[in-house]
C-alpha atoms as a PDB file:
ATOM      1  CA  MET A   1     106.002 144.491 109.137  1.00  0.00           C
ATOM      2  CA  THR A   2     105.476 142.232 112.204  1.00  0.00           C
ATOM      3  CA  ASN A   3     101.772 143.073 112.273  1.00  0.00           C
ATOM      4  CA  ASP A   4     101.458 142.177 108.578  1.00  0.00           C
ATOM      5  CA  ALA A   5     103.055 138.761 109.147  1.00  0.00           C
ATOM      6  CA  LYS A   6     100.812 138.098 112.134  1.00  0.00           C
ATOM      7  CA  THR A   7      97.750 139.153 110.160  1.00  0.00           C
ATOM      8  CA  ARG A   8      98.654 136.795 107.321  1.00  0.00           C
ATOM      9  CA  ARG A   9      99.217 133.879 109.740  1.00  0.00           C
ATOM     10  CA  THR A  10      95.841 134.338 111.418  1.00  0.00           C
ATOM     11  CA  ALA A  11      93.812 135.330 108.353  1.00  0.00           C
ATOM     12  CA  ALA A  12      90.897 133.100 107.394  1.00  0.00           C
ATOM     13  CA  LEU A  13      91.342 130.986 104.311  1.00  0.00           C
ATOM     14  CA  ALA A  14      89.678 132.341 101.237  1.00  0.00           C
ATOM     15  CA  THR A  15      89.854 129.279  99.009  1.00  0.00           C
ATOM     16  CA  PRO A  16      87.506 129.788  96.061  1.00  0.00           C
ATOM     17  CA  THR A  17      84.641 127.284  96.104  1.00  0.00           C
ATOM     18  CA  THR A  18      81.061 127.069  94.955  1.00  0.00           C
ATOM     19  CA  LEU A  19      80.067 125.327  98.180  1.00  0.00           C
ATOM     20  CA  SER A  20      78.259 127.328 100.829  1.00  0.00           C
ATOM     21  CA  PRO A  21      80.140 128.404 103.961  1.00  0.00           C
ATOM     22  CA  ASN A  22      78.191 125.783 105.956  1.00  0.00           C
ATOM     23  CA  ALA A  23      79.099 123.086 103.426  1.00  0.00           C
ATOM     24  CA  THR A  24      82.745 124.108 103.552  1.00  0.00           C
ATOM     25  CA  GLN A  25      82.785 123.945 107.336  1.00  0.00           C
ATOM     26  CA  ASP A  26      80.842 120.678 107.650  1.00  0.00           C
ATOM     27  CA  VAL A  27      82.490 118.762 104.805  1.00  0.00           C
ATOM     28  CA  ALA A  28      86.008 119.830 105.782  1.00  0.00           C
ATOM     29  CA  ALA A  29      85.345 118.862 109.415  1.00  0.00           C
ATOM     30  CA  ALA A  30      83.967 115.464 108.383  1.00  0.00           C
ATOM     31  CA  LEU A  31      86.955 114.850 106.103  1.00  0.00           C
ATOM     32  CA  THR A  32      89.397 115.869 108.819  1.00  0.00           C
ATOM     33  CA  THR A  33      87.799 113.436 111.255  1.00  0.00           C
ATOM     34  CA  LEU A  34      87.953 110.710 108.600  1.00  0.00           C
ATOM     35  CA  LEU A  35      91.594 111.567 108.053  1.00  0.00           C
ATOM     36  CA  ALA A  36      92.276 111.055 111.765  1.00  0.00           C
ATOM     37  CA  ASP A  37      90.633 107.635 111.500  1.00  0.00           C
ATOM     38  CA  PHE A  38      92.666 106.779 108.393  1.00  0.00           C
ATOM     39  CA  PHE A  39      95.921 107.639 110.171  1.00  0.00           C
ATOM     40  CA  THR A  40      94.839 105.619 113.209  1.00  0.00           C
ATOM     41  CA  LEU A  41      93.999 102.619 111.030  1.00  0.00           C
ATOM     42  CA  TYR A  42      97.239 103.028 109.086  1.00  0.00           C
ATOM     43  CA  LEU A  43      99.371 102.978 112.220  1.00  0.00           C
ATOM     44  CA  LYS A  44      97.453 100.052 113.734  1.00  0.00           C
ATOM     45  CA  THR A  45      97.812  98.086 110.493  1.00  0.00           C
ATOM     46  CA  LYS A  46     101.567  98.806 110.421  1.00  0.00           C
ATOM     47  CA  ASN A  47     101.809  97.886 114.123  1.00  0.00           C
ATOM     48  CA  PHE A  48     100.242  94.496 113.403  1.00  0.00           C
ATOM     49  CA  HIS A  49     102.385  94.114 110.260  1.00  0.00           C
ATOM     50  CA  TRP A  50     105.517  94.666 112.372  1.00  0.00           C
ATOM     51  CA  HIS A  51     104.422  92.370 115.200  1.00  0.00           C
ATOM     52  CA  VAL A  52     102.585  89.501 113.509  1.00  0.00           C
ATOM     53  CA  SER A  53     104.074  86.057 114.118  1.00  0.00           C
ATOM     54  CA  GLY A  54     103.245  82.412 113.669  1.00  0.00           C
ATOM     55  CA  PRO A  55     102.876  79.831 110.922  1.00  0.00           C
ATOM     56  CA  HIS A  56     101.187  82.268 108.487  1.00  0.00           C
ATOM     57  CA  PHE A  57     103.668  85.065 109.182  1.00  0.00           C
ATOM     58  CA  ARG A  58     104.664  85.743 105.582  1.00  0.00           C
ATOM     59  CA  ASP A  59     101.095  85.845 104.247  1.00  0.00           C
ATOM     60  CA  TYR A  60      99.809  88.062 107.074  1.00  0.00           C
ATOM     61  CA  HIS A  61     102.894  90.268 106.997  1.00  0.00           C
ATOM     62  CA  LEU A  62     102.486  90.939 103.263  1.00  0.00           C
ATOM     63  CA  LEU A  63      98.692  91.373 103.480  1.00  0.00           C
ATOM     64  CA  LEU A  64      98.976  93.930 106.268  1.00  0.00           C
ATOM     65  CA  ASP A  65     101.733  95.815 104.472  1.00  0.00           C
ATOM     66  CA  ASP A  66      99.624  96.009 101.309  1.00  0.00           C
ATOM     67  CA  GLN A  67      96.620  97.227 103.290  1.00  0.00           C
ATOM     68  CA  ALA A  68      98.654  99.807 105.200  1.00  0.00           C
ATOM     69  CA  SER A  69     100.042 101.163 101.919  1.00  0.00           C
ATOM     70  CA  GLN A  70      96.537 101.480 100.482  1.00  0.00           C
ATOM     71  CA  ILE A  71      95.263 103.274 103.588  1.00  0.00           C
ATOM     72  CA  TYR A  72      98.223 105.659 103.640  1.00  0.00           C
ATOM     73  CA  ALA A  73      97.812 106.402  99.927  1.00  0.00           C
ATOM     74  CA  SER A  74      94.355 107.834 100.639  1.00  0.00           C
ATOM     75  CA  THR A  75      95.480 110.272 103.316  1.00  0.00           C
ATOM     76  CA  ASP A  76      96.855 112.985 101.048  1.00  0.00           C
ATOM     77  CA  ALA A  77      93.743 112.981  98.867  1.00  0.00           C
ATOM     78  CA  ILE A  78      91.503 113.297 101.942  1.00  0.00           C
ATOM     79  CA  ALA A  79      93.498 116.224 103.340  1.00  0.00           C
ATOM     80  CA  GLU A  80      93.707 117.951  99.977  1.00  0.00           C
ATOM     81  CA  ARG A  81      89.965 117.568  99.430  1.00  0.00           C
ATOM     82  CA  ALA A  82      89.324 119.298 102.772  1.00  0.00           C
ATOM     83  CA  ARG A  83      91.550 122.151 101.574  1.00  0.00           C
ATOM     84  CA  LYS A  84      89.977 122.266  98.098  1.00  0.00           C
ATOM     85  CA  VAL A  85      86.542 122.869  99.591  1.00  0.00           C
ATOM     86  CA  GLY A  86      87.962 125.764 101.604  1.00  0.00           C
ATOM     87  CA  GLY A  87      88.580 124.155 104.989  1.00  0.00           C
ATOM     88  CA  THR A  88      91.585 123.174 107.004  1.00  0.00           C
ATOM     89  CA  THR A  89      92.748 119.751 108.067  1.00  0.00           C
ATOM     90  CA  LEU A  90      94.973 117.940 110.551  1.00  0.00           C
ATOM     91  CA  ARG A  91      97.893 119.811 112.008  1.00  0.00           C
ATOM     92  CA  SER A  92      99.494 117.368 114.464  1.00  0.00           C
ATOM     93  CA  VAL A  93      99.515 113.934 116.063  1.00  0.00           C
ATOM     94  CA  GLY A  94      97.662 115.506 118.989  1.00  0.00           C
ATOM     95  CA  HIS A  95      94.966 116.681 116.584  1.00  0.00           C
ATOM     96  CA  ILE A  96      94.608 113.105 115.328  1.00  0.00           C
ATOM     97  CA  ALA A  97      94.290 111.834 118.907  1.00  0.00           C
ATOM     98  CA  ARG A  98      91.525 114.330 119.657  1.00  0.00           C
ATOM     99  CA  LEU A  99      89.483 113.376 116.581  1.00  0.00           C
ATOM    100  CA  GLN A 100      90.051 109.636 116.058  1.00  0.00           C
ATOM    101  CA  ARG A 101      87.096 107.320 116.558  1.00  0.00           C
ATOM    102  CA  LEU A 102      89.029 104.085 116.062  1.00  0.00           C
ATOM    103  CA  ALA A 103      90.708 102.642 119.127  1.00  0.00           C
ATOM    104  CA  ASP A 104      94.462 102.241 119.364  1.00  0.00           C
ATOM    105  CA  ASN A 105      95.974  98.884 120.280  1.00  0.00           C
ATOM    106  CA  ASP A 106      99.085  99.130 122.425  1.00  0.00           C
ATOM    107  CA  ALA A 107      99.028  95.521 123.625  1.00  0.00           C
ATOM    108  CA  ASP A 108     102.372  93.766 123.908  1.00  0.00           C
ATOM    109  CA  TYR A 109     100.982  90.711 122.126  1.00  0.00           C
ATOM    110  CA  VAL A 110      97.952  90.158 119.914  1.00  0.00           C
ATOM    111  CA  THR A 111      97.286  86.829 118.232  1.00  0.00           C
ATOM    112  CA  PRO A 112      97.349  86.954 114.444  1.00  0.00           C
ATOM    113  CA  LEU A 113      93.652  86.050 114.155  1.00  0.00           C
ATOM    114  CA  ASP A 114      92.750  88.727 116.697  1.00  0.00           C
ATOM    115  CA  MET A 115      94.759  91.220 114.644  1.00  0.00           C
ATOM    116  CA  LEU A 116      92.798  90.352 111.515  1.00  0.00           C
ATOM    117  CA  ALA A 117      89.474  90.489 113.362  1.00  0.00           C
ATOM    118  CA  GLU A 118      90.264  93.856 114.938  1.00  0.00           C
ATOM    119  CA  LEU A 119      91.319  95.361 111.619  1.00  0.00           C
ATOM    120  CA  ARG A 120      88.200  93.957 109.966  1.00  0.00           C
ATOM    121  CA  GLU A 121      86.015  95.648 112.600  1.00  0.00           C
ATOM    122  CA  ASP A 122      87.949  98.912 112.298  1.00  0.00           C
ATOM    123  CA  ASN A 123      87.478  98.901 108.526  1.00  0.00           C
ATOM    124  CA  LEU A 124      83.756  98.224 108.997  1.00  0.00           C
ATOM    125  CA  GLN A 125      83.570 101.191 111.360  1.00  0.00           C
ATOM    126  CA  LEU A 126      85.473 103.319 108.832  1.00  0.00           C
ATOM    127  CA  VAL A 127      83.042 102.348 106.066  1.00  0.00           C
ATOM    128  CA  ALA A 128      80.105 103.394 108.260  1.00  0.00           C
ATOM    129  CA  ALA A 129      81.768 106.756 108.929  1.00  0.00           C
ATOM    130  CA  MET A 130      82.461 107.255 105.224  1.00  0.00           C
ATOM    131  CA  ARG A 131      78.824 106.498 104.386  1.00  0.00           C
ATOM    132  CA  GLU A 132      77.729 109.156 106.912  1.00  0.00           C
ATOM    133  CA  THR A 133      80.122 111.625 105.303  1.00  0.00           C
ATOM    134  CA  HIS A 134      78.747 110.666 101.876  1.00  0.00           C
ATOM    135  CA  GLU A 135      75.230 111.485 103.107  1.00  0.00           C
ATOM    136  CA  LEU A 136      76.494 114.879 104.280  1.00  0.00           C
ATOM    137  CA  CYS A 137      78.039 115.485 100.854  1.00  0.00           C
ATOM    138  CA  ASP A 138      74.758 114.514  99.205  1.00  0.00           C
ATOM    139  CA  GLU A 139      72.926 117.090 101.347  1.00  0.00           C
ATOM    140  CA  TYR A 140      75.308 119.809 100.149  1.00  0.00           C
ATOM    141  CA  LYS A 141      75.465 118.484  96.567  1.00  0.00           C
ATOM    142  CA  ASP A 142      79.235 118.001  96.894  1.00  0.00           C
ATOM    143  CA  VAL A 143      79.502 115.361  94.191  1.00  0.00           C
ATOM    144  CA  ALA A 144      83.299 115.484  93.962  1.00  0.00           C
ATOM    145  CA  THR A 145      83.833 114.534  97.612  1.00  0.00           C
ATOM    146  CA  ALA A 146      81.039 111.948  97.373  1.00  0.00           C
ATOM    147  CA  SER A 147      82.743 110.389  94.358  1.00  0.00           C
ATOM    148  CA  LEU A 148      86.056 110.111  96.204  1.00  0.00           C
ATOM    149  CA  LEU A 149      84.293 108.562  99.191  1.00  0.00           C
ATOM    150  CA  GLU A 150      82.746 105.911  96.951  1.00  0.00           C
ATOM    151  CA  ASN A 151      86.215 104.787  95.879  1.00  0.00           C
ATOM    152  CA  TRP A 152      87.544 104.777  99.453  1.00  0.00           C
ATOM    153  CA  ILE A 153      84.498 102.788 100.597  1.00  0.00           C
ATOM    154  CA  ASP A 154      85.155 100.222  97.869  1.00  0.00           C
ATOM    155  CA  GLU A 155      88.802  99.930  98.922  1.00  0.00           C
ATOM    156  CA  ALA A 156      87.825  99.467 102.579  1.00  0.00           C
ATOM    157  CA  GLU A 157      85.256  96.837 101.647  1.00  0.00           C
ATOM    158  CA  GLN A 158      87.966  94.952  99.771  1.00  0.00           C
ATOM    159  CA  ARG A 159      90.200  95.121 102.858  1.00  0.00           C
ATOM    160  CA  ILE A 160      87.307  93.773 104.957  1.00  0.00           C
ATOM    161  CA  TRP A 161      86.765  90.916 102.514  1.00  0.00           C
ATOM    162  CA  PHE A 162      90.452  89.977 102.480  1.00  0.00           C
ATOM    163  CA  LEU A 163      90.689  90.123 106.280  1.00  0.00           C
ATOM    164  CA  PHE A 164      87.563  87.984 106.601  1.00  0.00           C
ATOM    165  CA  GLU A 165      88.642  85.350 104.075  1.00  0.00           C
ATOM    166  CA  THR A 166      92.188  85.231 105.450  1.00  0.00           C
ATOM    167  CA  SER A 167      90.927  84.593 108.980  1.00  0.00           C
ATOM    168  CA  ARG A 168      88.532  81.773 108.073  1.00  0.00           C
ATOM    169  CA  GLN A 169      89.402  78.494 109.762  1.00  0.00           C
ATOM    170  CA  GLY A 170      88.113  76.215 107.020  1.00  0.00           C
ATOM    171  CA  ASP A 171      85.553  74.586 109.273  1.00  0.00           C
ATOM    172  CA  GLY A 172      82.702  76.944 108.385  1.00  0.00           C
ATOM    173  CA  ALA A 173      82.979  78.712 111.759  1.00  0.00           C
ATOM    174  CA  SER A 174      83.533  82.151 110.204  1.00  0.00           C
ATOM    175  CA  ARG A 175      80.580  82.111 107.807  1.00  0.00           C
END
């Protein structure tokens, strides 16, 4: 009985899919890396939401909370898509740390405008990574994952736009 349990725990997944084994491996790996970036961006956005201060506190606080909620809402769909195609996904915080491409920010103080600028750049980097993953999906004809990525790209581009417009100084300096 112990051998049967061990065999089941270590058995390869056999999720039915019409994707090739290479597609399953590559798409799931790309989605898992994206998921690590999404969790990193989520936590950084919440960090800034919790620590923002200054004359525009309420506006920034609410904006960052809305953006964090949107980012977090995507995480389950990303992980489940990796599983649907027959792969695995994140298993721990350590796994996230090994895969994330976005930098953490552990600074004791960040100015509100620097927060917005950093999040804008992180979202731009995330969009670039999602476009690369979309190209991979196109190569494997994985239209379902590509379709999901298109929606997540659009959401990230909206976050970028809001962060940009919110950080403008009104003097034309941010054009």
